[in-house]
Amino acid sequence: MIRVENLHRHFGGFRAVDGASLEIAKGSITGLVGPNGAGKTTLFNVVAGALAPTSGRVLMDGEDVSGLPPHELFHKGLLRTFQIAHEFSSMSCRENLMMVPGSQSGESLWNAIFGRGRIAQEEAALLKKADEVLDFLTISHLKDEKAGNLSGGQKKLLELGRTMMVDAKIVFLDEVGAGVNRTLLNTIGDAILRLNQERGYTFCMIEHDMDFIGRLCDPVIVMAEGKVLAEGTVEEIKSNEAVIEAYLGTGLKNKEMIGG
């Protein structure tokens, strides 16, 4: 579904992404791991359109989408979440979800005046879908709660729910487990697996929790110094000496630091 070819993103003389090439297969949950500063989030930002590549290409279903802005990629079914959740804090969880779909009739002044019936029908359909999403994520009890009052893990679930409002093809998850307690992390993991298995979502996720990666991801891609260092199953990655060296710089004696 996604092919990244010799991707570079430079900031002055600093090469945050330095010739990375990788593929994300349709229907997979691909993990992207690596030490801090490896270029993972910068690569996400380029693929998702927040940053233009210095050089190289990003292909989605064979189409060159390099440099397309996020709103165009959104309409093609490519979405991303953020390490720090981006919610509308003063709106309810249900309202946050209802805001997602684009080109709603109520956005037009003409329709707001003369198309109230159509707007009411659309809002009823959106309300029904939002409630279905909240139920799927097991947070329907929070539907009327202001999003700003949610815990970190609940906000991550709400972000995942936003991707469900538009039936995304591929979702890039940036540290979905960061700051989330283990119980909620398991709930998030369950939701990702169900979306993948039942609805055909493709995921690529940056994550530092190797147990979480091991539960969800195959394959796992390792980045270091802006390049792709290795790819394989989580067990292969854990036993790869080059990967251990990139994380620790001290060899196999500390391999338990990445779960080995």
C-alpha atoms as a PDB file:
ATOM      1  CA  MET A   1       0.000   0.000   0.000  1.00  0.00           C
ATOM      2  CA  ILE A   2       2.843   2.408   0.848  1.00  0.00           C
ATOM      3  CA  ARG A   3       6.268   2.399  -0.762  1.00  0.00           C
ATOM      4  CA  VAL A   4       8.942   4.841   0.417  1.00  0.00           C
ATOM      5  CA  GLU A   5      11.824   5.155  -2.037  1.00  0.00           C
ATOM      6  CA  ASN A   6      15.199   6.649  -1.054  1.00  0.00           C
ATOM      7  CA  LEU A   7      13.521   9.290   1.090  1.00  0.00           C
ATOM      8  CA  HIS A   8      15.513  12.251   2.384  1.00  0.00           C
ATOM      9  CA  ARG A   9      14.416  15.066   4.661  1.00  0.00           C
ATOM     10  CA  HIS A  10      17.087  17.563   5.646  1.00  0.00           C
ATOM     11  CA  PHE A  11      16.949  20.482   8.044  1.00  0.00           C
ATOM     12  CA  GLY A  12      19.883  22.592   6.969  1.00  0.00           C
ATOM     13  CA  GLY A  13      22.887  20.312   7.346  1.00  0.00           C
ATOM     14  CA  PHE A  14      21.040  17.811   9.534  1.00  0.00           C
ATOM     15  CA  ARG A  15      19.744  14.737   7.697  1.00  0.00           C
ATOM     16  CA  ALA A  16      16.779  13.582   9.802  1.00  0.00           C
ATOM     17  CA  VAL A  17      15.803  11.026   7.142  1.00  0.00           C
ATOM     18  CA  ASP A  18      18.769   9.966   5.052  1.00  0.00           C
ATOM     19  CA  GLY A  19      17.871   7.668   2.186  1.00  0.00           C
ATOM     20  CA  ALA A  20      15.202   5.525   3.871  1.00  0.00           C
ATOM     21  CA  SER A  21      13.345   2.961   1.756  1.00  0.00           C
ATOM     22  CA  LEU A  22      10.570   0.705   3.052  1.00  0.00           C
ATOM     23  CA  GLU A  23       7.256  -0.894   2.168  1.00  0.00           C
ATOM     24  CA  ILE A  24       4.023  -1.229   4.140  1.00  0.00           C
ATOM     25  CA  ALA A  25       1.918  -4.116   2.875  1.00  0.00           C
ATOM     26  CA  LYS A  26      -1.840  -3.791   2.576  1.00  0.00           C
ATOM     27  CA  GLY A  27      -3.552  -5.403   5.555  1.00  0.00           C
ATOM     28  CA  SER A  28      -0.448  -5.413   7.750  1.00  0.00           C
ATOM     29  CA  ILE A  29       0.306  -3.878  11.123  1.00  0.00           C
ATOM     30  CA  THR A  30       3.869  -2.699  10.605  1.00  0.00           C
ATOM     31  CA  GLY A  31       5.970  -1.569  13.538  1.00  0.00           C
ATOM     32  CA  LEU A  32       8.546   1.217  13.191  1.00  0.00           C
ATOM     33  CA  VAL A  33      11.097   1.263  15.987  1.00  0.00           C
ATOM     34  CA  GLY A  34      14.503   2.733  16.688  1.00  0.00           C
ATOM     35  CA  PRO A  35      16.414   4.839  19.194  1.00  0.00           C
ATOM     36  CA  ASN A  36      15.484   8.453  19.848  1.00  0.00           C
ATOM     37  CA  GLY A  37      16.577  10.655  16.945  1.00  0.00           C
ATOM     38  CA  ALA A  38      16.425   7.812  14.426  1.00  0.00           C
ATOM     39  CA  GLY A  39      14.117   9.784  12.121  1.00  0.00           C
ATOM     40  CA  LYS A  40      10.898   7.864  12.739  1.00  0.00           C
ATOM     41  CA  THR A  41       8.556  10.781  13.392  1.00  0.00           C
ATOM     42  CA  THR A  42      10.137  12.857  10.614  1.00  0.00           C
ATOM     43  CA  LEU A  43       9.489   9.986   8.209  1.00  0.00           C
ATOM     44  CA  PHE A  44       5.867   9.853   9.431  1.00  0.00           C
ATOM     45  CA  ASN A  45       5.545  13.594   8.903  1.00  0.00           C
ATOM     46  CA  VAL A  46       6.815  13.328   5.325  1.00  0.00           C
ATOM     47  CA  VAL A  47       4.603  10.364   4.437  1.00  0.00           C
ATOM     48  CA  ALA A  48       1.545  12.042   6.013  1.00  0.00           C
ATOM     49  CA  GLY A  49       2.178  15.343   4.230  1.00  0.00           C
ATOM     50  CA  ALA A  50       3.154  17.541   7.171  1.00  0.00           C
ATOM     51  CA  LEU A  51       6.647  17.928   5.666  1.00  0.00           C
ATOM     52  CA  ALA A  52       7.758  17.890   2.038  1.00  0.00           C
ATOM     53  CA  PRO A  53      10.605  15.490   1.213  1.00  0.00           C
ATOM     54  CA  THR A  54      13.980  16.951   0.332  1.00  0.00           C
ATOM     55  CA  SER A  55      14.219  14.152  -2.225  1.00  0.00           C
ATOM     56  CA  GLY A  56      12.837  10.678  -2.815  1.00  0.00           C
ATOM     57  CA  ARG A  57       9.286   9.484  -3.302  1.00  0.00           C
ATOM     58  CA  VAL A  58       6.255   8.243  -1.382  1.00  0.00           C
ATOM     59  CA  LEU A  59       3.848   6.017  -3.309  1.00  0.00           C
ATOM     60  CA  MET A  60       0.362   5.021  -2.158  1.00  0.00           C
ATOM     61  CA  ASP A  61      -1.262   2.231  -4.147  1.00  0.00           C
ATOM     62  CA  GLY A  62       1.250   2.981  -6.907  1.00  0.00           C
ATOM     63  CA  GLU A  63       0.415   6.715  -7.046  1.00  0.00           C
ATOM     64  CA  ASP A  64       3.142   9.254  -6.292  1.00  0.00           C
ATOM     65  CA  VAL A  65       1.795  11.243  -3.334  1.00  0.00           C
ATOM     66  CA  SER A  66       5.116  12.883  -2.387  1.00  0.00           C
ATOM     67  CA  GLY A  67       4.534  16.329  -0.929  1.00  0.00           C
ATOM     68  CA  LEU A  68       0.735  16.220  -1.044  1.00  0.00           C
ATOM     69  CA  PRO A  69      -0.783  18.174   1.879  1.00  0.00           C
ATOM     70  CA  PRO A  70      -2.510  16.288   4.714  1.00  0.00           C
ATOM     71  CA  HIS A  71      -6.051  17.214   3.634  1.00  0.00           C
ATOM     72  CA  GLU A  72      -5.524  15.638   0.206  1.00  0.00           C
ATOM     73  CA  LEU A  73      -4.034  12.504   1.748  1.00  0.00           C
ATOM     74  CA  PHE A  74      -6.977  12.437   4.175  1.00  0.00           C
ATOM     75  CA  HIS A  75      -9.381  12.170   1.250  1.00  0.00           C
ATOM     76  CA  LYS A  76      -7.275   9.317  -0.162  1.00  0.00           C
ATOM     77  CA  GLY A  77      -7.674   7.429   3.122  1.00  0.00           C
ATOM     78  CA  LEU A  78      -4.271   8.122   4.729  1.00  0.00           C
ATOM     79  CA  LEU A  79      -4.556   9.373   8.302  1.00  0.00           C
ATOM     80  CA  ARG A  80      -2.230   9.722  11.261  1.00  0.00           C
ATOM     81  CA  THR A  81      -2.475  10.162  14.996  1.00  0.00           C
ATOM     82  CA  PHE A  82      -0.022  12.017  17.212  1.00  0.00           C
ATOM     83  CA  GLN A  83       2.068  11.209  20.268  1.00  0.00           C
ATOM     84  CA  ILE A  84       0.204  14.004  22.043  1.00  0.00           C
ATOM     85  CA  ALA A  85      -3.494  13.642  21.240  1.00  0.00           C
ATOM     86  CA  HIS A  86      -5.081  16.538  19.314  1.00  0.00           C
ATOM     87  CA  GLU A  87      -8.654  16.752  20.563  1.00  0.00           C
ATOM     88  CA  PHE A  88     -11.186  19.600  20.644  1.00  0.00           C
ATOM     89  CA  SER A  89     -11.023  19.854  24.414  1.00  0.00           C
ATOM     90  CA  SER A  90     -14.222  21.864  24.976  1.00  0.00           C
ATOM     91  CA  MET A  91     -16.356  19.553  22.828  1.00  0.00           C
ATOM     92  CA  SER A  92     -17.803  16.214  23.845  1.00  0.00           C
ATOM     93  CA  CYS A  93     -16.336  12.921  22.646  1.00  0.00           C
ATOM     94  CA  ARG A  94     -19.323  12.441  20.358  1.00  0.00           C
ATOM     95  CA  GLU A  95     -18.932  15.945  18.914  1.00  0.00           C
ATOM     96  CA  ASN A  96     -15.209  15.343  18.331  1.00  0.00           C
ATOM     97  CA  LEU A  97     -16.068  12.355  16.172  1.00  0.00           C
ATOM     98  CA  MET A  98     -18.858  14.129  14.302  1.00  0.00           C
ATOM     99  CA  MET A  99     -16.428  16.875  13.297  1.00  0.00           C
ATOM    100  CA  VAL A 100     -14.215  14.514  11.281  1.00  0.00           C
ATOM    101  CA  PRO A 101     -15.923  13.808   7.925  1.00  0.00           C
ATOM    102  CA  GLY A 102     -15.215  16.510   5.352  1.00  0.00           C
ATOM    103  CA  SER A 103     -17.568  18.290   2.922  1.00  0.00           C
ATOM    104  CA  GLN A 104     -20.536  18.283   5.278  1.00  0.00           C
ATOM    105  CA  SER A 105     -23.585  20.132   3.949  1.00  0.00           C
ATOM    106  CA  GLY A 106     -23.718  22.352   7.012  1.00  0.00           C
ATOM    107  CA  GLU A 107     -20.387  23.917   6.034  1.00  0.00           C
ATOM    108  CA  SER A 108     -22.127  25.756   3.177  1.00  0.00           C
ATOM    109  CA  LEU A 109     -23.946  29.002   3.975  1.00  0.00           C
ATOM    110  CA  TRP A 110     -26.464  28.240   1.212  1.00  0.00           C
ATOM    111  CA  ASN A 111     -27.295  24.859   2.721  1.00  0.00           C
ATOM    112  CA  ALA A 112     -27.415  26.330   6.218  1.00  0.00           C
ATOM    113  CA  ILE A 113     -30.223  28.602   5.016  1.00  0.00           C
ATOM    114  CA  PHE A 114     -32.029  26.487   2.429  1.00  0.00           C
ATOM    115  CA  GLY A 115     -30.903  22.913   3.040  1.00  0.00           C
ATOM    116  CA  ARG A 116     -31.769  22.352   6.669  1.00  0.00           C
ATOM    117  CA  GLY A 117     -33.521  19.069   5.996  1.00  0.00           C
ATOM    118  CA  ARG A 118     -30.452  17.569   4.350  1.00  0.00           C
ATOM    119  CA  ILE A 119     -28.231  18.877   7.139  1.00  0.00           C
ATOM    120  CA  ALA A 120     -30.496  17.274   9.747  1.00  0.00           C
ATOM    121  CA  GLN A 121     -30.316  13.925   7.916  1.00  0.00           C
ATOM    122  CA  GLU A 122     -26.527  14.070   7.705  1.00  0.00           C
ATOM    123  CA  GLU A 123     -26.207  14.962  11.381  1.00  0.00           C
ATOM    124  CA  ALA A 124     -28.473  12.073  12.376  1.00  0.00           C
ATOM    125  CA  ALA A 125     -26.309   9.668  10.339  1.00  0.00           C
ATOM    126  CA  LEU A 126     -23.115  11.113  11.841  1.00  0.00           C
ATOM    127  CA  LEU A 127     -24.547  10.853  15.339  1.00  0.00           C
ATOM    128  CA  LYS A 128     -25.406   7.196  14.771  1.00  0.00           C
ATOM    129  CA  LYS A 129     -21.946   6.438  13.392  1.00  0.00           C
ATOM    130  CA  ALA A 130     -20.205   8.305  16.238  1.00  0.00           C
ATOM    131  CA  ASP A 131     -22.149   6.265  18.785  1.00  0.00           C
ATOM    132  CA  GLU A 132     -21.223   3.035  16.959  1.00  0.00           C
ATOM    133  CA  VAL A 133     -17.538   4.031  17.039  1.00  0.00           C
ATOM    134  CA  LEU A 134     -17.651   4.878  20.741  1.00  0.00           C
ATOM    135  CA  ASP A 135     -19.319   1.543  21.428  1.00  0.00           C
ATOM    136  CA  PHE A 136     -16.673  -0.298  19.355  1.00  0.00           C
ATOM    137  CA  LEU A 137     -13.933   1.355  21.419  1.00  0.00           C
ATOM    138  CA  THR A 138     -15.758   0.580  24.710  1.00  0.00           C
ATOM    139  CA  ILE A 139     -15.967   4.259  25.686  1.00  0.00           C
ATOM    140  CA  SER A 140     -19.655   4.876  24.963  1.00  0.00           C
ATOM    141  CA  HIS A 141     -20.067   5.881  28.622  1.00  0.00           C
ATOM    142  CA  LEU A 142     -17.923   8.935  27.824  1.00  0.00           C
ATOM    143  CA  LYS A 143     -19.936  10.126  24.804  1.00  0.00           C
ATOM    144  CA  ASP A 144     -21.084  13.358  26.499  1.00  0.00           C
ATOM    145  CA  GLU A 145     -17.852  13.973  28.438  1.00  0.00           C
ATOM    146  CA  LYS A 146     -15.703  16.899  27.285  1.00  0.00           C
ATOM    147  CA  ALA A 147     -12.674  15.498  25.494  1.00  0.00           C
ATOM    148  CA  GLY A 148     -10.347  17.698  27.513  1.00  0.00           C
ATOM    149  CA  ASN A 149     -11.365  15.816  30.667  1.00  0.00           C
ATOM    150  CA  LEU A 150     -10.284  12.412  29.362  1.00  0.00           C
ATOM    151  CA  SER A 151      -7.195  10.557  30.519  1.00  0.00           C
ATOM    152  CA  GLY A 152      -4.249  10.220  28.154  1.00  0.00           C
ATOM    153  CA  GLY A 153      -5.266   6.695  27.157  1.00  0.00           C
ATOM    154  CA  GLN A 154      -8.879   7.665  26.581  1.00  0.00           C
ATOM    155  CA  LYS A 155      -7.731  10.515  24.327  1.00  0.00           C
ATOM    156  CA  LYS A 156      -5.677   8.012  22.304  1.00  0.00           C
ATOM    157  CA  LEU A 157      -8.797   5.864  21.898  1.00  0.00           C
ATOM    158  CA  LEU A 158     -10.739   8.926  20.778  1.00  0.00           C
ATOM    159  CA  GLU A 159      -8.053   9.695  18.180  1.00  0.00           C
ATOM    160  CA  LEU A 160      -8.338   6.139  16.909  1.00  0.00           C
ATOM    161  CA  GLY A 161     -12.082   6.642  16.751  1.00  0.00           C
ATOM    162  CA  ARG A 162     -11.647   9.666  14.514  1.00  0.00           C
ATOM    163  CA  THR A 163      -9.974   7.471  11.916  1.00  0.00           C
ATOM    164  CA  MET A 164     -13.045   5.218  11.990  1.00  0.00           C
ATOM    165  CA  MET A 165     -15.378   8.074  11.060  1.00  0.00           C
ATOM    166  CA  VAL A 166     -13.978   8.147   7.526  1.00  0.00           C
ATOM    167  CA  ASP A 167     -13.123   4.470   6.985  1.00  0.00           C
ATOM    168  CA  ALA A 168      -9.388   5.058   6.616  1.00  0.00           C
ATOM    169  CA  LYS A 169      -7.280   2.807   4.387  1.00  0.00           C
ATOM    170  CA  ILE A 170      -4.041   3.254   6.304  1.00  0.00           C
ATOM    171  CA  VAL A 171      -3.400   4.840   9.689  1.00  0.00           C
ATOM    172  CA  PHE A 172      -0.031   5.990  11.007  1.00  0.00           C
ATOM    173  CA  LEU A 173       0.059   5.778  14.807  1.00  0.00           C
ATOM    174  CA  ASP A 174       2.737   7.835  16.541  1.00  0.00           C
ATOM    175  CA  GLU A 175       3.479   6.315  19.970  1.00  0.00           C
ATOM    176  CA  VAL A 176      -0.106   5.375  20.723  1.00  0.00           C
ATOM    177  CA  GLY A 177       1.097   3.787  23.972  1.00  0.00           C
ATOM    178  CA  ALA A 178       2.987   6.804  25.322  1.00  0.00           C
ATOM    179  CA  GLY A 179       1.782   7.704  28.811  1.00  0.00           C
ATOM    180  CA  VAL A 180      -1.015   5.114  28.748  1.00  0.00           C
ATOM    181  CA  ASN A 181      -1.628   2.698  31.615  1.00  0.00           C
ATOM    182  CA  ARG A 182      -1.435  -1.021  30.863  1.00  0.00           C
ATOM    183  CA  THR A 183      -5.196  -1.656  31.056  1.00  0.00           C
ATOM    184  CA  LEU A 184      -6.030   1.055  28.533  1.00  0.00           C
ATOM    185  CA  LEU A 185      -3.078   0.036  26.389  1.00  0.00           C
ATOM    186  CA  ASN A 186      -4.573  -3.440  26.138  1.00  0.00           C
ATOM    187  CA  THR A 187      -7.908  -1.884  25.131  1.00  0.00           C
ATOM    188  CA  ILE A 188      -6.166   0.172  22.438  1.00  0.00           C
ATOM    189  CA  GLY A 189      -4.333  -2.918  21.218  1.00  0.00           C
ATOM    190  CA  ASP A 190      -7.607  -4.864  21.035  1.00  0.00           C
ATOM    191  CA  ALA A 191      -9.187  -2.079  18.979  1.00  0.00           C
ATOM    192  CA  ILE A 192      -6.249  -1.958  16.548  1.00  0.00           C
ATOM    193  CA  LEU A 193      -6.356  -5.729  16.051  1.00  0.00           C
ATOM    194  CA  ARG A 194     -10.115  -5.694  15.467  1.00  0.00           C
ATOM    195  CA  LEU A 195      -9.866  -2.839  12.971  1.00  0.00           C
ATOM    196  CA  ASN A 196      -7.148  -4.735  11.156  1.00  0.00           C
ATOM    197  CA  GLN A 197      -8.831  -8.139  11.189  1.00  0.00           C
ATOM    198  CA  GLU A 198     -12.501  -7.184  10.861  1.00  0.00           C
ATOM    199  CA  ARG A 199     -12.352  -4.007   8.782  1.00  0.00           C
ATOM    200  CA  GLY A 200      -9.142  -4.430   6.815  1.00  0.00           C
ATOM    201  CA  TYR A 201      -7.311  -1.398   8.190  1.00  0.00           C
ATOM    202  CA  THR A 202      -3.600  -1.168   7.468  1.00  0.00           C
ATOM    203  CA  PHE A 203      -1.479   0.308  10.258  1.00  0.00           C
ATOM    204  CA  CYS A 204       2.071   1.552  10.674  1.00  0.00           C
ATOM    205  CA  MET A 205       3.010   2.416  14.225  1.00  0.00           C
ATOM    206  CA  ILE A 206       5.929   4.026  16.000  1.00  0.00           C
ATOM    207  CA  GLU A 207       6.250   2.516  19.445  1.00  0.00           C
ATOM    208  CA  HIS A 208       8.904   2.002  22.135  1.00  0.00           C
ATOM    209  CA  ASP A 209       7.041  -0.702  24.077  1.00  0.00           C
ATOM    210  CA  MET A 210       8.438  -3.870  22.517  1.00  0.00           C
ATOM    211  CA  ASP A 211       5.854  -6.086  24.234  1.00  0.00           C
ATOM    212  CA  PHE A 212       3.106  -4.032  22.604  1.00  0.00           C
ATOM    213  CA  ILE A 213       4.935  -4.163  19.260  1.00  0.00           C
ATOM    214  CA  GLY A 214       5.371  -7.914  19.639  1.00  0.00           C
ATOM    215  CA  ARG A 215       1.667  -8.430  20.261  1.00  0.00           C
ATOM    216  CA  LEU A 216       0.534  -6.432  17.231  1.00  0.00           C
ATOM    217  CA  CYS A 217       3.216  -6.039  14.590  1.00  0.00           C
ATOM    218  CA  ASP A 218       4.628  -8.147  11.786  1.00  0.00           C
ATOM    219  CA  PRO A 219       6.903  -7.013  10.281  1.00  0.00           C
ATOM    220  CA  VAL A 220       8.953  -4.669  12.439  1.00  0.00           C
ATOM    221  CA  ILE A 221      11.192  -2.093  10.724  1.00  0.00           C
ATOM    222  CA  VAL A 222      14.138  -0.563  12.596  1.00  0.00           C
ATOM    223  CA  MET A 223      15.481   2.904  11.808  1.00  0.00           C
ATOM    224  CA  ALA A 224      18.774   4.414  12.958  1.00  0.00           C
ATOM    225  CA  GLU A 225      20.430   7.661  11.909  1.00  0.00           C
ATOM    226  CA  GLY A 226      17.755   8.345   9.307  1.00  0.00           C
ATOM    227  CA  LYS A 227      18.105   5.003   7.531  1.00  0.00           C
ATOM    228  CA  VAL A 228      16.379   1.628   7.628  1.00  0.00           C
ATOM    229  CA  LEU A 229      18.689  -0.669   9.571  1.00  0.00           C
ATOM    230  CA  ALA A 230      16.754  -3.944   9.687  1.00  0.00           C
ATOM    231  CA  GLU A 231      13.384  -5.595   9.103  1.00  0.00           C
ATOM    232  CA  GLY A 232      11.892  -8.829  10.393  1.00  0.00           C
ATOM    233  CA  THR A 233       9.719 -10.353  13.079  1.00  0.00           C
ATOM    234  CA  VAL A 234       9.988  -8.923  16.553  1.00  0.00           C
ATOM    235  CA  GLU A 235      12.053 -11.935  17.670  1.00  0.00           C
ATOM    236  CA  GLU A 236      14.463 -11.462  14.763  1.00  0.00           C
ATOM    237  CA  ILE A 237      14.793  -7.782  15.609  1.00  0.00           C
ATOM    238  CA  LYS A 238      15.467  -8.483  19.282  1.00  0.00           C
ATOM    239  CA  SER A 239      18.368 -10.798  18.418  1.00  0.00           C
ATOM    240  CA  ASN A 240      19.892  -8.613  15.679  1.00  0.00           C
ATOM    241  CA  GLU A 241      23.326  -7.433  16.826  1.00  0.00           C
ATOM    242  CA  ALA A 242      23.259  -4.327  14.601  1.00  0.00           C
ATOM    243  CA  VAL A 243      19.932  -3.304  16.137  1.00  0.00           C
ATOM    244  CA  ILE A 244      21.195  -3.839  19.680  1.00  0.00           C
ATOM    245  CA  GLU A 245      24.304  -1.812  18.868  1.00  0.00           C
ATOM    246  CA  ALA A 246      22.199   1.021  17.440  1.00  0.00           C
ATOM    247  CA  TYR A 247      20.061   1.167  20.592  1.00  0.00           C
ATOM    248  CA  LEU A 248      22.814   0.720  23.153  1.00  0.00           C
ATOM    249  CA  GLY A 249      26.249   0.908  21.598  1.00  0.00           C
ATOM    250  CA  THR A 250      27.358  -1.851  23.960  1.00  0.00           C
ATOM    251  CA  GLY A 251      26.563  -5.110  22.149  1.00  0.00           C
ATOM    252  CA  LEU A 252      24.762  -8.248  23.187  1.00  0.00           C
ATOM    253  CA  LYS A 253      25.399  -8.058  26.912  1.00  0.00           C
ATOM    254  CA  ASN A 254      22.535  -5.566  27.256  1.00  0.00           C
ATOM    255  CA  LYS A 255      20.128  -7.091  24.743  1.00  0.00           C
ATOM    256  CA  GLU A 256      17.466  -7.350  27.473  1.00  0.00           C
ATOM    257  CA  MET A 257      17.028  -3.592  27.121  1.00  0.00           C
ATOM    258  CA  ILE A 258      15.046  -4.155  23.925  1.00  0.00           C
ATOM    259  CA  GLY A 259      13.238  -7.176  25.284  1.00  0.00           C
ATOM    260  CA  GLY A 260      15.713  -9.903  24.402  1.00  0.00           C
END
